[in-house]
């Protein structure tokens, strides 16, 4: 694919709290880069493998969603809540064997989890 998305950023009110949340819940390897002042996660090769564009139906404002792949979406939803996140849409099946769950990390930014069996 020409010009793939290879970087993402999360602007938060408390980078330490948000970094700890993603480390604890999803096992992300985040390292504080003191020279630039933020936490950085590296993956080789880049992990974003697809995406899509659609017209809003339910949501009122435009947005970008990042989907985190998980093996057990119900267990991860419980972990999100236990670590200070907010479940916005509990796990639901969008097609056979594909489940989604929308959540806010502790500072309120929305993310999505996806389980594909």
Protein backbone atom coordinates (compact mmCIF):
# COMPACT_ATOMS: atom_id res chain seq x y z
CA UNK A 1 0.00 0.00 0.00
CA UNK A 2 1.41 3.42 -0.84
CA UNK A 3 1.78 5.85 2.07
CA UNK A 4 0.56 3.63 4.97
CA UNK A 5 -0.23 4.94 8.44
CA UNK A 6 2.83 4.11 10.53
CA UNK A 7 2.50 6.34 13.62
CA UNK A 8 -0.16 7.33 16.11
CA UNK A 9 -0.24 9.74 19.07
CA UNK A 10 -2.39 10.09 22.15
CA UNK A 11 -2.67 13.59 23.61
CA UNK A 12 -3.68 13.19 27.25
CA UNK A 13 -3.87 15.24 30.45
CA UNK A 14 -1.61 12.74 32.28
CA UNK A 15 0.84 10.82 30.10
CA UNK A 16 2.15 8.69 32.96
CA UNK A 17 -1.35 7.51 33.90
CA UNK A 18 -2.30 6.80 30.28
CA UNK A 19 0.99 5.00 29.55
CA UNK A 20 0.57 2.85 32.68
CA UNK A 21 -3.01 2.00 31.64
CA UNK A 22 -1.92 0.68 28.22
CA UNK A 23 1.07 -1.13 29.71
CA UNK A 24 -1.07 -2.82 32.39
CA UNK A 25 -4.12 -3.68 30.27
CA UNK A 26 -2.62 -4.41 26.84
CA UNK A 27 1.02 -5.17 27.66
CA UNK A 28 2.36 -2.41 25.41
CA UNK A 29 6.10 -1.78 25.66
CA UNK A 30 6.20 1.98 26.14
CA UNK A 31 9.44 3.76 26.95
CA UNK A 32 9.74 7.36 28.16
CA UNK A 33 11.82 9.37 25.72
CA UNK A 34 13.02 12.21 27.95
CA UNK A 35 14.69 14.13 25.11
CA UNK A 36 11.31 14.58 23.35
CA UNK A 37 9.11 14.39 26.46
CA UNK A 38 6.76 11.52 25.61
CA UNK A 39 6.33 7.76 25.76
CA UNK A 40 7.19 5.91 22.59
CA UNK A 41 6.20 2.46 21.31
CA UNK A 42 8.08 0.85 18.44
CA UNK A 43 6.93 -2.06 16.31
CA UNK A 44 8.77 -3.68 13.44
CA UNK A 45 7.12 -3.87 10.96
CA UNK A 46 4.29 -1.34 11.55
CA UNK A 47 1.22 -3.06 12.96
CA UNK A 48 -1.65 -1.14 11.33
CA UNK A 49 -2.91 -3.54 8.68
CA UNK A 50 -6.15 -2.01 7.40
CA UNK A 51 -8.71 0.72 7.74
CA UNK A 52 -11.81 2.31 6.30
CA UNK A 53 -13.75 5.55 5.78
CA UNK A 54 -17.49 5.84 6.32
CA UNK A 55 -20.31 8.39 6.73
CA UNK A 56 -21.48 9.08 10.28
CA UNK A 57 -24.75 7.51 11.42
CA UNK A 58 -24.79 7.24 15.23
CA UNK A 59 -21.92 9.54 16.22
CA UNK A 60 -22.49 13.28 16.15
CA UNK A 61 -18.89 14.41 15.56
CA UNK A 62 -16.22 13.14 13.17
CA UNK A 63 -13.55 11.01 14.85
CA UNK A 64 -10.63 8.65 14.30
CA UNK A 65 -10.71 5.21 15.95
CA UNK A 66 -7.77 3.02 16.76
CA UNK A 67 -8.66 -0.67 17.12
CA UNK A 68 -6.64 -2.84 19.48
CA UNK A 69 -6.78 -6.54 18.67
CA UNK A 70 -7.42 -8.80 21.69
CA UNK A 71 -7.97 -12.53 22.23
CA UNK A 72 -10.72 -12.32 24.89
CA UNK A 73 -12.71 -9.10 24.51
CA UNK A 74 -14.92 -9.75 27.56
CA UNK A 75 -11.89 -10.24 29.84
CA UNK A 76 -10.17 -7.15 28.40
CA UNK A 77 -13.31 -5.04 28.92
CA UNK A 78 -13.22 -6.06 32.58
CA UNK A 79 -9.51 -5.13 32.77
CA UNK A 80 -10.18 -1.75 31.15
CA UNK A 81 -12.72 -0.92 33.87
CA UNK A 82 -10.45 -2.25 36.64
CA UNK A 83 -7.62 0.03 35.49
CA UNK A 84 -9.63 3.26 35.35
CA UNK A 85 -11.02 3.10 31.83
CA UNK A 86 -14.69 3.54 30.93
CA UNK A 87 -16.59 1.02 28.81
CA UNK A 88 -18.73 3.04 26.36
CA UNK A 89 -20.14 0.12 24.35
CA UNK A 90 -19.76 -3.31 25.96
CA UNK A 91 -18.55 -6.12 23.70
CA UNK A 92 -20.98 -6.78 20.86
CA UNK A 93 -20.83 -9.00 17.79
CA UNK A 94 -20.76 -7.00 14.54
CA UNK A 95 -20.55 -10.03 12.27
CA UNK A 96 -20.06 -13.76 12.84
CA UNK A 97 -17.01 -14.20 15.09
CA UNK A 98 -16.06 -10.49 15.07
CA UNK A 99 -16.60 -8.57 18.31
CA UNK A 100 -16.09 -4.87 19.12
CA UNK A 101 -15.95 -2.89 22.36
CA UNK A 102 -15.57 0.89 22.62
CA UNK A 103 -13.87 2.35 25.68
CA UNK A 104 -12.26 5.50 27.01
CA UNK A 105 -8.79 5.35 28.50
CA UNK A 106 -8.43 7.19 31.85
CA UNK A 107 -8.13 10.69 30.35
CA UNK A 108 -11.30 10.19 28.27
CA UNK A 109 -9.92 9.44 24.78
CA UNK A 110 -11.96 6.79 22.98
CA UNK A 111 -10.42 3.59 21.61
CA UNK A 112 -11.87 0.34 20.33
CA UNK A 113 -11.01 -3.31 20.91
CA UNK A 114 -11.64 -5.99 18.31
CA UNK A 115 -11.72 -9.77 18.67
CA UNK A 116 -11.68 -11.82 15.49
CA UNK A 117 -12.04 -15.59 15.87
